[in-house]
C-alpha atoms as a PDB file:
ATOM      1  CA  MET A   1     -28.982 -12.835  -0.174  1.00  0.00           C
ATOM      2  CA  ASN A   2     -28.305  -9.178   0.537  1.00  0.00           C
ATOM      3  CA  HIS A   3     -26.563  -8.648  -2.796  1.00  0.00           C
ATOM      4  CA  ASN A   4     -29.786  -9.166  -4.723  1.00  0.00           C
ATOM      5  CA  SER A   5     -31.791  -6.516  -2.883  1.00  0.00           C
ATOM      6  CA  SER A   6     -30.783  -3.288  -4.644  1.00  0.00           C
ATOM      7  CA  PRO A   7     -28.963  -2.052  -7.771  1.00  0.00           C
ATOM      8  CA  PHE A   8     -26.504  -0.160  -5.519  1.00  0.00           C
ATOM      9  CA  LYS A   9     -25.509  -3.359  -3.662  1.00  0.00           C
ATOM     10  CA  GLN A  10     -25.111  -5.152  -6.980  1.00  0.00           C
ATOM     11  CA  PHE A  11     -22.886  -2.320  -8.211  1.00  0.00           C
ATOM     12  CA  ILE A  12     -20.741  -2.631  -5.035  1.00  0.00           C
ATOM     13  CA  LEU A  13     -20.534  -6.403  -5.634  1.00  0.00           C
ATOM     14  CA  PHE A  14     -19.455  -5.726  -9.249  1.00  0.00           C
ATOM     15  CA  LEU A  15     -16.697  -3.393  -7.953  1.00  0.00           C
ATOM     16  CA  LYS A  16     -15.550  -6.124  -5.542  1.00  0.00           C
ATOM     17  CA  GLY A  17     -15.326  -8.443  -8.561  1.00  0.00           C
ATOM     18  CA  MET A  18     -13.235  -5.847 -10.396  1.00  0.00           C
ATOM     19  CA  ALA A  19     -10.908  -5.583  -7.382  1.00  0.00           C
ATOM     20  CA  MET A  20     -10.585  -9.406  -7.336  1.00  0.00           C
ATOM     21  CA  GLY A  21      -9.807  -9.421 -11.076  1.00  0.00           C
ATOM     22  CA  ALA A  22      -7.151  -6.723 -10.653  1.00  0.00           C
ATOM     23  CA  ALA A  23      -5.537  -8.691  -7.822  1.00  0.00           C
ATOM     24  CA  ASP A  24      -5.617 -11.931  -9.816  1.00  0.00           C
ATOM     25  CA  VAL A  25      -3.651 -10.334 -12.683  1.00  0.00           C
ATOM     26  CA  VAL A  26      -0.705  -9.539 -10.373  1.00  0.00           C
ATOM     27  CA  PRO A  27       1.647 -12.377  -9.312  1.00  0.00           C
ATOM     28  CA  GLY A  28       1.794 -12.345  -5.517  1.00  0.00           C
ATOM     29  CA  VAL A  29      -1.686 -11.005  -4.805  1.00  0.00           C
ATOM     30  CA  SER A  30      -4.724 -13.250  -4.368  1.00  0.00           C
ATOM     31  CA  GLY A  31      -8.253 -12.488  -5.516  1.00  0.00           C
ATOM     32  CA  GLY A  32      -9.295 -14.665  -2.567  1.00  0.00           C
ATOM     33  CA  THR A  33      -7.723 -12.104  -0.210  1.00  0.00           C
ATOM     34  CA  ILE A  34      -9.877  -9.352  -1.749  1.00  0.00           C
ATOM     35  CA  ALA A  35     -12.984 -11.571  -1.474  1.00  0.00           C
ATOM     36  CA  PHE A  36     -12.173 -12.226   2.195  1.00  0.00           C
ATOM     37  CA  ILE A  37     -11.620  -8.622   3.240  1.00  0.00           C
ATOM     38  CA  SER A  38     -14.670  -7.403   1.307  1.00  0.00           C
ATOM     39  CA  GLY A  39     -16.868  -9.827   3.253  1.00  0.00           C
ATOM     40  CA  ILE A  40     -18.020 -12.100   0.397  1.00  0.00           C
ATOM     41  CA  TYR A  41     -15.548 -14.988   0.714  1.00  0.00           C
ATOM     42  CA  GLU A  42     -17.678 -17.615   2.461  1.00  0.00           C
ATOM     43  CA  GLU A  43     -20.736 -16.784   0.348  1.00  0.00           C
ATOM     44  CA  LEU A  44     -18.607 -17.148  -2.789  1.00  0.00           C
ATOM     45  CA  VAL A  45     -17.178 -20.528  -1.749  1.00  0.00           C
ATOM     46  CA  SER A  46     -20.517 -21.942  -0.551  1.00  0.00           C
ATOM     47  CA  THR A  47     -22.410 -20.679  -3.643  1.00  0.00           C
ATOM     48  CA  ILE A  48     -19.896 -22.394  -5.940  1.00  0.00           C
ATOM     49  CA  HIS A  49     -20.025 -25.534  -3.775  1.00  0.00           C
ATOM     50  CA  ASN A  50     -23.852 -25.682  -3.928  1.00  0.00           C
ATOM     51  CA  LEU A  51     -23.961 -25.238  -7.705  1.00  0.00           C
ATOM     52  CA  ASN A  52     -24.604 -28.621  -9.356  1.00  0.00           C
ATOM     53  CA  LEU A  53     -26.560 -30.368 -12.113  1.00  0.00           C
ATOM     54  CA  LYS A  54     -29.716 -30.379  -9.960  1.00  0.00           C
ATOM     55  CA  PHE A  55     -30.035 -26.765 -11.130  1.00  0.00           C
ATOM     56  CA  PHE A  56     -31.515 -28.088 -14.392  1.00  0.00           C
ATOM     57  CA  SER A  57     -34.147 -30.247 -12.668  1.00  0.00           C
ATOM     58  CA  VAL A  58     -35.157 -27.291 -10.443  1.00  0.00           C
ATOM     59  CA  TRP A  59     -35.349 -25.161 -13.609  1.00  0.00           C
ATOM     60  CA  LYS A  60     -37.551 -27.782 -15.292  1.00  0.00           C
ATOM     61  CA  GLU A  61     -39.875 -28.222 -12.286  1.00  0.00           C
ATOM     62  CA  LYS A  62     -40.106 -24.701 -10.846  1.00  0.00           C
ATOM     63  CA  GLY A  63     -38.911 -22.415 -13.632  1.00  0.00           C
ATOM     64  CA  PHE A  64     -35.677 -20.578 -14.384  1.00  0.00           C
ATOM     65  CA  GLY A  65     -36.415 -17.673 -12.000  1.00  0.00           C
ATOM     66  CA  THR A  66     -36.739 -19.986  -9.001  1.00  0.00           C
ATOM     67  CA  ALA A  67     -33.575 -21.931  -9.914  1.00  0.00           C
ATOM     68  CA  TRP A  68     -31.729 -18.618 -10.405  1.00  0.00           C
ATOM     69  CA  LYS A  69     -32.700 -17.530  -6.863  1.00  0.00           C
ATOM     70  CA  ILE A  70     -32.116 -20.884  -5.136  1.00  0.00           C
ATOM     71  CA  TYR A  71     -28.598 -21.180  -6.544  1.00  0.00           C
ATOM     72  CA  ASN A  72     -27.750 -17.492  -5.915  1.00  0.00           C
ATOM     73  CA  LEU A  73     -26.706 -17.052  -9.550  1.00  0.00           C
ATOM     74  CA  LYS A  74     -27.148 -13.272  -9.623  1.00  0.00           C
ATOM     75  CA  PHE A  75     -24.346 -13.073  -7.030  1.00  0.00           C
ATOM     76  CA  LEU A  76     -21.999 -15.179  -9.218  1.00  0.00           C
ATOM     77  CA  VAL A  77     -22.869 -13.433 -12.502  1.00  0.00           C
ATOM     78  CA  VAL A  78     -22.396  -9.908 -11.088  1.00  0.00           C
ATOM     79  CA  LEU A  79     -19.198 -10.816  -9.214  1.00  0.00           C
ATOM     80  CA  PHE A  80     -17.529 -12.745 -12.059  1.00  0.00           C
ATOM     81  CA  GLY A  81     -18.687 -10.098 -14.548  1.00  0.00           C
ATOM     82  CA  GLY A  82     -16.566  -7.659 -12.546  1.00  0.00           C
ATOM     83  CA  VAL A  83     -13.648 -10.113 -12.407  1.00  0.00           C
ATOM     84  CA  LEU A  84     -13.749 -10.713 -16.182  1.00  0.00           C
ATOM     85  CA  ILE A  85     -14.049  -7.058 -17.188  1.00  0.00           C
ATOM     86  CA  SER A  86     -11.238  -6.176 -14.788  1.00  0.00           C
ATOM     87  CA  ILE A  87      -8.898  -8.864 -16.161  1.00  0.00           C
ATOM     88  CA  LEU A  88      -9.620  -7.928 -19.799  1.00  0.00           C
ATOM     89  CA  SER A  89      -9.233  -4.186 -19.209  1.00  0.00           C
ATOM     90  CA  LEU A  90      -6.412  -4.175 -16.651  1.00  0.00           C
ATOM     91  CA  ALA A  91      -4.088  -6.890 -17.985  1.00  0.00           C
ATOM     92  CA  LYS A  92      -2.248  -4.396 -20.247  1.00  0.00           C
ATOM     93  CA  LEU A  93      -2.154  -1.615 -17.631  1.00  0.00           C
ATOM     94  CA  ILE A  94      -0.859  -3.838 -14.822  1.00  0.00           C
ATOM     95  CA  GLY A  95       1.691  -5.398 -17.183  1.00  0.00           C
ATOM     96  CA  TRP A  96       2.892  -1.885 -18.058  1.00  0.00           C
ATOM     97  CA  LEU A  97       3.003  -0.764 -14.394  1.00  0.00           C
ATOM     98  CA  LEU A  98       4.957  -3.866 -13.343  1.00  0.00           C
ATOM     99  CA  GLU A  99       7.450  -3.238 -16.138  1.00  0.00           C
ATOM    100  CA  ASN A 100       7.871   0.519 -15.566  1.00  0.00           C
ATOM    101  CA  HIS A 101       7.184   1.061 -11.839  1.00  0.00           C
ATOM    102  CA  PRO A 102       7.767  -2.334 -10.183  1.00  0.00           C
ATOM    103  CA  ILE A 103       8.886  -1.006  -6.757  1.00  0.00           C
ATOM    104  CA  LEU A 104       5.785   1.177  -6.376  1.00  0.00           C
ATOM    105  CA  VAL A 105       3.374  -1.574  -7.518  1.00  0.00           C
ATOM    106  CA  TRP A 106       4.905  -4.189  -5.197  1.00  0.00           C
ATOM    107  CA  SER A 107       4.980  -1.663  -2.319  1.00  0.00           C
ATOM    108  CA  PHE A 108       1.252  -1.031  -2.737  1.00  0.00           C
ATOM    109  CA  PHE A 109       0.532  -4.772  -2.639  1.00  0.00           C
ATOM    110  CA  PHE A 110       2.922  -5.291   0.284  1.00  0.00           C
ATOM    111  CA  GLY A 111       0.888  -2.792   2.330  1.00  0.00           C
ATOM    112  CA  LEU A 112      -2.331  -4.391   1.121  1.00  0.00           C
ATOM    113  CA  ILE A 113      -1.231  -7.873   2.244  1.00  0.00           C
ATOM    114  CA  ILE A 114       0.032  -6.620   5.654  1.00  0.00           C
ATOM    115  CA  ALA A 115      -3.455  -5.185   6.296  1.00  0.00           C
ATOM    116  CA  SER A 116      -5.060  -8.412   5.007  1.00  0.00           C
ATOM    117  CA  ILE A 117      -2.954 -10.491   7.449  1.00  0.00           C
ATOM    118  CA  LEU A 118      -4.181  -8.365  10.358  1.00  0.00           C
ATOM    119  CA  TYR A 119      -7.759  -8.571   9.076  1.00  0.00           C
ATOM    120  CA  VAL A 120      -7.846 -12.355   8.600  1.00  0.00           C
ATOM    121  CA  GLY A 121      -5.821 -12.975  11.786  1.00  0.00           C
ATOM    122  CA  LYS A 122      -8.421 -11.015  13.796  1.00  0.00           C
ATOM    123  CA  GLN A 123     -11.112 -13.505  12.709  1.00  0.00           C
ATOM    124  CA  ILE A 124      -9.384 -16.318  14.672  1.00  0.00           C
ATOM    125  CA  LYS A 125     -11.476 -16.575  17.832  1.00  0.00           C
ATOM    126  CA  THR A 126      -9.350 -18.992  19.893  1.00  0.00           C
ATOM    127  CA  TRP A 127      -5.598 -19.513  19.981  1.00  0.00           C
ATOM    128  CA  ASN A 128      -3.886 -22.733  21.076  1.00  0.00           C
ATOM    129  CA  SER A 129      -0.743 -24.712  20.161  1.00  0.00           C
ATOM    130  CA  LYS A 130      -2.534 -26.435  17.244  1.00  0.00           C
ATOM    131  CA  ILE A 131      -3.644 -23.091  15.751  1.00  0.00           C
ATOM    132  CA  VAL A 132      -0.132 -21.615  16.123  1.00  0.00           C
ATOM    133  CA  LEU A 133       1.436 -24.737  14.541  1.00  0.00           C
ATOM    134  CA  ALA A 134      -1.007 -24.564  11.584  1.00  0.00           C
ATOM    135  CA  LEU A 135      -0.131 -20.880  11.080  1.00  0.00           C
ATOM    136  CA  LEU A 136       3.643 -21.523  11.225  1.00  0.00           C
ATOM    137  CA  LEU A 137       3.495 -24.527   8.852  1.00  0.00           C
ATOM    138  CA  ALA A 138       1.418 -22.556   6.335  1.00  0.00           C
ATOM    139  CA  CYS A 139       3.781 -19.588   6.684  1.00  0.00           C
ATOM    140  CA  PHE A 140       6.922 -21.663   5.995  1.00  0.00           C
ATOM    141  CA  GLY A 141       5.181 -23.620   3.214  1.00  0.00           C
ATOM    142  CA  SER A 142       4.077 -20.428   1.474  1.00  0.00           C
ATOM    143  CA  TYR A 143       7.532 -18.843   1.932  1.00  0.00           C
ATOM    144  CA  PHE A 144       9.292 -21.839   0.347  1.00  0.00           C
ATOM    145  CA  ILE A 145       6.852 -21.788  -2.592  1.00  0.00           C
ATOM    146  CA  THR A 146       8.045 -18.210  -3.295  1.00  0.00           C
ATOM    147  CA  LEU A 147      11.624 -19.553  -3.577  1.00  0.00           C
ATOM    148  CA  PHE A 148      10.809 -22.193  -6.232  1.00  0.00           C
ATOM    149  CA  GLU A 149      12.267 -21.805  -9.684  1.00  0.00           C
ATOM    150  CA  PRO A 150       9.538 -21.309 -12.290  1.00  0.00           C
ATOM    151  CA  MET A 151       9.127 -24.063 -14.883  1.00  0.00           C
ATOM    152  CA  SER A 152       9.443 -23.254 -18.568  1.00  0.00           C
ATOM    153  CA  SER A 153       6.150 -24.558 -19.875  1.00  0.00           C
ATOM    154  CA  PRO A 154       4.937 -25.770 -23.235  1.00  0.00           C
ATOM    155  CA  GLU A 155       2.191 -23.594 -24.710  1.00  0.00           C
ATOM    156  CA  SER A 156       0.094 -26.708 -25.366  1.00  0.00           C
ATOM    157  CA  ASN A 157      -3.667 -26.695 -24.845  1.00  0.00           C
ATOM    158  CA  TRP A 158      -3.424 -29.485 -22.246  1.00  0.00           C
ATOM    159  CA  PHE A 159      -0.988 -27.439 -20.181  1.00  0.00           C
ATOM    160  CA  ILE A 160      -3.272 -24.380 -20.348  1.00  0.00           C
ATOM    161  CA  LEU A 161      -6.186 -26.540 -19.117  1.00  0.00           C
ATOM    162  CA  PHE A 162      -4.008 -27.844 -16.251  1.00  0.00           C
ATOM    163  CA  SER A 163      -2.832 -24.280 -15.455  1.00  0.00           C
ATOM    164  CA  GLY A 164      -6.453 -23.140 -15.084  1.00  0.00           C
ATOM    165  CA  PHE A 165      -7.205 -26.040 -12.743  1.00  0.00           C
ATOM    166  CA  ILE A 166      -4.234 -25.317 -10.437  1.00  0.00           C
ATOM    167  CA  ALA A 167      -4.358 -21.516 -10.590  1.00  0.00           C
ATOM    168  CA  ILE A 168      -8.036 -21.214  -9.608  1.00  0.00           C
ATOM    169  CA  ILE A 169      -7.379 -23.176  -6.399  1.00  0.00           C
ATOM    170  CA  ALA A 170      -4.796 -20.553  -5.455  1.00  0.00           C
ATOM    171  CA  MET A 171      -6.984 -17.673  -6.651  1.00  0.00           C
ATOM    172  CA  ILE A 172      -9.737 -18.446  -4.136  1.00  0.00           C
ATOM    173  CA  LEU A 173      -7.269 -19.106  -1.307  1.00  0.00           C
ATOM    174  CA  PRO A 174      -6.454 -15.848   0.492  1.00  0.00           C
ATOM    175  CA  GLY A 175      -2.684 -15.427   0.532  1.00  0.00           C
ATOM    176  CA  ILE A 176      -1.790 -17.703  -2.364  1.00  0.00           C
ATOM    177  CA  SER A 177      -1.828 -15.899  -5.684  1.00  0.00           C
ATOM    178  CA  GLY A 178      -3.156 -17.739  -8.726  1.00  0.00           C
ATOM    179  CA  SER A 179      -0.985 -15.547 -10.942  1.00  0.00           C
ATOM    180  CA  PHE A 180       2.072 -16.488  -8.891  1.00  0.00           C
ATOM    181  CA  ILE A 181       1.252 -20.196  -9.329  1.00  0.00           C
ATOM    182  CA  LEU A 182       1.051 -19.491 -13.087  1.00  0.00           C
ATOM    183  CA  VAL A 183       4.509 -17.877 -12.867  1.00  0.00           C
ATOM    184  CA  LEU A 184       5.842 -21.030 -11.145  1.00  0.00           C
ATOM    185  CA  LEU A 185       4.215 -23.217 -13.807  1.00  0.00           C
ATOM    186  CA  GLY A 186       5.751 -20.992 -16.478  1.00  0.00           C
ATOM    187  CA  SER A 187       2.391 -20.188 -18.075  1.00  0.00           C
ATOM    188  CA  TYR A 188       1.782 -16.668 -16.671  1.00  0.00           C
ATOM    189  CA  ALA A 189       3.277 -14.891 -19.705  1.00  0.00           C
ATOM    190  CA  VAL A 190       1.341 -17.186 -22.068  1.00  0.00           C
ATOM    191  CA  ILE A 191      -1.997 -16.510 -20.332  1.00  0.00           C
ATOM    192  CA  LEU A 192      -1.398 -12.738 -20.065  1.00  0.00           C
ATOM    193  CA  GLN A 193      -0.370 -12.618 -23.737  1.00  0.00           C
ATOM    194  CA  THR A 194      -3.465 -14.647 -24.677  1.00  0.00           C
ATOM    195  CA  VAL A 195      -5.745 -12.155 -22.868  1.00  0.00           C
ATOM    196  CA  ASN A 196      -3.990  -9.250 -24.602  1.00  0.00           C
ATOM    197  CA  ASN A 197      -4.233 -11.053 -27.986  1.00  0.00           C
ATOM    198  CA  PHE A 198      -7.951 -11.594 -27.397  1.00  0.00           C
ATOM    199  CA  THR A 199      -8.656  -7.874 -26.794  1.00  0.00           C
ATOM    200  CA  SER A 200      -6.317  -6.848 -29.656  1.00  0.00           C
ATOM    201  CA  ALA A 201      -7.993  -9.316 -32.077  1.00  0.00           C
ATOM    202  CA  ILE A 202     -11.416  -7.789 -31.321  1.00  0.00           C
ATOM    203  CA  LYS A 203     -10.079  -4.260 -31.959  1.00  0.00           C
ATOM    204  CA  VAL A 204      -8.392  -5.095 -35.294  1.00  0.00           C
ATOM    205  CA  ALA A 205     -10.918  -7.799 -36.332  1.00  0.00           C
ATOM    206  CA  ASP A 206      -8.217 -10.490 -36.747  1.00  0.00           C
ATOM    207  CA  TRP A 207     -10.330 -13.676 -36.925  1.00  0.00           C
ATOM    208  CA  GLN A 208      -7.392 -16.115 -36.740  1.00  0.00           C
ATOM    209  CA  LEU A 209      -5.855 -14.441 -33.683  1.00  0.00           C
ATOM    210  CA  PHE A 210      -9.301 -14.198 -32.058  1.00  0.00           C
ATOM    211  CA  THR A 211     -10.048 -17.928 -32.581  1.00  0.00           C
ATOM    212  CA  ASP A 212      -6.672 -19.036 -31.217  1.00  0.00           C
ATOM    213  CA  ALA A 213      -6.940 -16.764 -28.142  1.00  0.00           C
ATOM    214  CA  PHE A 214     -10.606 -17.706 -27.564  1.00  0.00           C
ATOM    215  CA  ILE A 215      -9.836 -21.459 -27.556  1.00  0.00           C
ATOM    216  CA  LYS A 216      -6.963 -20.970 -25.089  1.00  0.00           C
ATOM    217  CA  ILE A 217      -9.103 -18.782 -22.782  1.00  0.00           C
ATOM    218  CA  MET A 218     -11.996 -21.301 -22.886  1.00  0.00           C
ATOM    219  CA  LEU A 219      -9.620 -24.170 -22.002  1.00  0.00           C
ATOM    220  CA  PHE A 220      -8.204 -22.140 -19.105  1.00  0.00           C
ATOM    221  CA  ILE A 221     -11.750 -21.344 -17.898  1.00  0.00           C
ATOM    222  CA  LEU A 222     -12.780 -25.026 -18.200  1.00  0.00           C
ATOM    223  CA  GLY A 223      -9.802 -26.073 -16.043  1.00  0.00           C
ATOM    224  CA  ALA A 224     -10.669 -23.288 -13.599  1.00  0.00           C
ATOM    225  CA  VAL A 225     -14.341 -24.326 -13.319  1.00  0.00           C
ATOM    226  CA  VAL A 226     -13.417 -27.963 -12.582  1.00  0.00           C
ATOM    227  CA  GLY A 227     -10.785 -26.893 -10.019  1.00  0.00           C
ATOM    228  CA  LEU A 228     -13.189 -24.431  -8.407  1.00  0.00           C
ATOM    229  CA  LYS A 229     -15.979 -26.987  -8.080  1.00  0.00           C
ATOM    230  CA  ILE A 230     -13.721 -29.633  -6.508  1.00  0.00           C
ATOM    231  CA  PHE A 231     -11.887 -27.261  -4.199  1.00  0.00           C
ATOM    232  CA  SER A 232     -14.882 -25.197  -3.012  1.00  0.00           C
ATOM    233  CA  GLY A 233     -16.369 -28.369  -1.459  1.00  0.00           C
ATOM    234  CA  VAL A 234     -13.154 -29.080   0.439  1.00  0.00           C
ATOM    235  CA  LEU A 235     -12.906 -25.469   1.618  1.00  0.00           C
ATOM    236  CA  THR A 236     -16.575 -25.309   2.701  1.00  0.00           C
ATOM    237  CA  TRP A 237     -16.065 -28.467   4.791  1.00  0.00           C
ATOM    238  CA  PHE A 238     -12.934 -27.045   6.442  1.00  0.00           C
ATOM    239  CA  PHE A 239     -14.676 -23.758   7.255  1.00  0.00           C
ATOM    240  CA  LYS A 240     -17.603 -25.619   8.827  1.00  0.00           C
ATOM    241  CA  ASN A 241     -15.512 -28.067  10.865  1.00  0.00           C
ATOM    242  CA  PHE A 242     -12.161 -26.341  11.499  1.00  0.00           C
ATOM    243  CA  ARG A 243     -12.864 -22.622  11.105  1.00  0.00           C
ATOM    244  CA  ASN A 244     -10.099 -21.273  13.363  1.00  0.00           C
ATOM    245  CA  THR A 245      -7.459 -23.668  11.996  1.00  0.00           C
ATOM    246  CA  THR A 246      -8.470 -22.811   8.411  1.00  0.00           C
ATOM    247  CA  LEU A 247      -8.187 -19.075   9.166  1.00  0.00           C
ATOM    248  CA  ALA A 248      -4.769 -19.674  10.789  1.00  0.00           C
ATOM    249  CA  VAL A 249      -3.580 -21.526   7.657  1.00  0.00           C
ATOM    250  CA  LEU A 250      -4.838 -18.701   5.412  1.00  0.00           C
ATOM    251  CA  THR A 251      -3.100 -16.105   7.625  1.00  0.00           C
ATOM    252  CA  GLY A 252       0.122 -18.147   7.471  1.00  0.00           C
ATOM    253  CA  PHE A 253      -0.106 -18.355   3.672  1.00  0.00           C
ATOM    254  CA  MET A 254      -0.286 -14.568   3.469  1.00  0.00           C
ATOM    255  CA  ILE A 255       2.651 -14.025   5.856  1.00  0.00           C
ATOM    256  CA  GLY A 256       4.823 -16.406   3.790  1.00  0.00           C
ATOM    257  CA  ALA A 257       3.735 -14.745   0.537  1.00  0.00           C
ATOM    258  CA  LEU A 258       5.177 -11.375   1.687  1.00  0.00           C
ATOM    259  CA  ASN A 259       8.563 -12.511   0.379  1.00  0.00           C
ATOM    260  CA  LYS A 260       7.143 -12.613  -3.153  1.00  0.00           C
ATOM    261  CA  VAL A 261       5.789  -9.044  -3.007  1.00  0.00           C
ATOM    262  CA  TRP A 262       8.798  -7.466  -1.239  1.00  0.00           C
ATOM    263  CA  PRO A 263       9.551  -4.470  -3.509  1.00  0.00           C
ATOM    264  CA  TRP A 264      13.370  -4.641  -3.636  1.00  0.00           C
ATOM    265  CA  LYS A 265      14.826  -7.618  -5.497  1.00  0.00           C
ATOM    266  CA  GLU A 266      18.147  -8.759  -6.877  1.00  0.00           C
ATOM    267  CA  VAL A 267      17.808 -10.683 -10.144  1.00  0.00           C
ATOM    268  CA  LEU A 268      19.679 -14.001 -10.010  1.00  0.00           C
ATOM    269  CA  SER A 269      18.746 -15.259 -13.481  1.00  0.00           C
ATOM    270  CA  TRP A 270      16.803 -14.150 -16.557  1.00  0.00           C
ATOM    271  CA  ARG A 271      14.509 -15.751 -19.138  1.00  0.00           C
ATOM    272  CA  LEU A 272      13.046 -14.761 -22.498  1.00  0.00           C
ATOM    273  CA  ASN A 273       9.306 -14.073 -22.448  1.00  0.00           C
ATOM    274  CA  SER A 274       6.847 -14.783 -25.286  1.00  0.00           C
ATOM    275  CA  SER A 275       7.788 -11.459 -26.936  1.00  0.00           C
ATOM    276  CA  GLY A 276      11.490 -12.392 -26.932  1.00  0.00           C
ATOM    277  CA  LYS A 277      12.212  -9.869 -24.155  1.00  0.00           C
ATOM    278  CA  GLU A 278      14.526 -10.622 -21.208  1.00  0.00           C
ATOM    279  CA  VAL A 279      12.593 -10.744 -17.931  1.00  0.00           C
ATOM    280  CA  PRO A 280      13.653 -11.888 -14.413  1.00  0.00           C
ATOM    281  CA  LEU A 281      13.373 -15.631 -13.714  1.00  0.00           C
ATOM    282  CA  LEU A 282      14.842 -16.000 -10.216  1.00  0.00           C
ATOM    283  CA  GLU A 283      14.993 -13.114  -7.751  1.00  0.00           C
ATOM    284  CA  LYS A 284      15.895 -12.712  -4.096  1.00  0.00           C
ATOM    285  CA  SER A 285      14.620 -10.086  -1.627  1.00  0.00           C
ATOM    286  CA  ILE A 286      17.204  -7.508  -0.536  1.00  0.00           C
ATOM    287  CA  LEU A 287      17.270  -4.354   1.615  1.00  0.00           C
ATOM    288  CA  PRO A 288      16.609  -1.017  -0.171  1.00  0.00           C
ATOM    289  CA  GLN A 289      20.197   0.186   0.423  1.00  0.00           C
ATOM    290  CA  ASN A 290      21.523  -2.861  -1.478  1.00  0.00           C
ATOM    291  CA  PHE A 291      19.213  -2.273  -4.461  1.00  0.00           C
ATOM    292  CA  ASP A 292      20.940  -1.689  -7.802  1.00  0.00           C
ATOM    293  CA  GLY A 293      19.193   1.472  -9.004  1.00  0.00           C
ATOM    294  CA  GLU A 294      16.828   4.099  -7.595  1.00  0.00           C
ATOM    295  CA  ALA A 295      15.299   2.549  -4.440  1.00  0.00           C
ATOM    296  CA  GLN A 296      12.410   5.106  -4.273  1.00  0.00           C
ATOM    297  CA  VAL A 297      12.057   4.428  -0.522  1.00  0.00           C
ATOM    298  CA  VAL A 298       9.806   7.415   0.318  1.00  0.00           C
ATOM    299  CA  LEU A 299       7.435   6.754  -2.603  1.00  0.00           C
ATOM    300  CA  ALA A 300       7.474   3.027  -1.817  1.00  0.00           C
ATOM    301  CA  ILE A 301       6.462   3.684   1.816  1.00  0.00           C
ATOM    302  CA  ALA A 302       3.693   6.030   0.593  1.00  0.00           C
ATOM    303  CA  CYS A 303       2.375   3.337  -1.784  1.00  0.00           C
ATOM    304  CA  ALA A 304       2.509   0.703   0.988  1.00  0.00           C
ATOM    305  CA  ILE A 305       0.499   3.023   3.278  1.00  0.00           C
ATOM    306  CA  ILE A 306      -2.082   3.548   0.491  1.00  0.00           C
ATOM    307  CA  GLY A 307      -2.318  -0.235   0.071  1.00  0.00           C
ATOM    308  CA  PHE A 308      -2.739  -0.704   3.826  1.00  0.00           C
ATOM    309  CA  LEU A 309      -5.391   2.027   4.053  1.00  0.00           C
ATOM    310  CA  THR A 310      -7.294   0.512   1.089  1.00  0.00           C
ATOM    311  CA  ILE A 311      -7.931  -2.634   3.150  1.00  0.00           C
ATOM    312  CA  PHE A 312      -8.550  -0.652   6.341  1.00  0.00           C
ATOM    313  CA  ILE A 313     -11.217   1.477   4.603  1.00  0.00           C
ATOM    314  CA  LEU A 314     -12.797  -1.631   2.997  1.00  0.00           C
ATOM    315  CA  GLU A 315     -12.943  -3.224   6.439  1.00  0.00           C
ATOM    316  CA  GLN A 316     -14.648  -0.144   7.945  1.00  0.00           C
ATOM    317  CA  VAL A 317     -17.168  -0.118   5.066  1.00  0.00           C
ATOM    318  CA  ALA A 318     -17.878  -3.823   5.668  1.00  0.00           C
ATOM    319  CA  ILE A 319     -18.363  -3.216   9.436  1.00  0.00           C
ATOM    320  CA  ASN A 320     -20.746  -0.296   8.806  1.00  0.00           C
ATOM    321  CA  LYS A 321     -22.622  -2.320   6.179  1.00  0.00           C
ATOM    322  CA  SER A 322     -23.109  -5.243   8.599  1.00  0.00           C
ATOM    323  CA  LYS A 323     -24.466  -2.785  11.210  1.00  0.00           C
ATOM    324  CA  THR A 324     -26.974  -1.323   8.735  1.00  0.00           C
ATOM    325  CA  ASP A 325     -28.002  -4.801   7.536  1.00  0.00           C
ATOM    326  CA  VAL A 326     -28.881  -5.907  11.098  1.00  0.00           C
END
């Protein structure tokens, strides 16, 4: 694989992982979208799909180095290292930004998703009534998911395991945000708080807090690994057999998800988060002129353009990279 050939390419892969991690922290933005536009999506899905227990027999027969290469593990370790470091370091920052500058954050991601829709849509090679129907169904399905009322979840270990299983499926699907699925399940605040507790416990050397957070994170990861393994096989099969239809569905998911990241919202109901603070539960998208407060339209448009250009530049880098690799 190209990613293994030089330290620079591995560093770029690590940065892509960090971008995926940052996207996964924000409800409404999918790490899968970042993987897709940065040109590593199919390699990611197929590498996860190919990973199985035969790894150990290859290790035993041919040595760890050979097994490491055959199963493309350097790719996974570098990429998920970036994802993990990003989530641990950015969870607090993104939480703060969403609380203090929500319109600007959502505007940036709105622009990012618009560019992603154009990017993924361009990959569809043939258009027919079946492709259009798949896109429309996915679009309406994704839109209606954004209207669901979030559940109020128990903080039980079983529920955290289940949350990991469901969220990871969304995280690797471009257009459907794993964090948003966690919001719907009611476990987003719990998971974000757990990540923050984990980093805080390390700083202040609180063993009890560390153990509790570590167990919850491990359960979430276990659920995620199982979900990833099952779903990557399904996705690989769809890409091989129904590539254009799969791309149309992914494009539709992203179009429908735009409702979730629309910057101007009217709060319909509130809930108490894990810190006892009132946060929005149900919201509906409204026009900027109907927004209760400073609409920040000019800044919002600027942030949306920056988001759009981020994807556009990534796409140009990917095109130039593919030319140099040939």
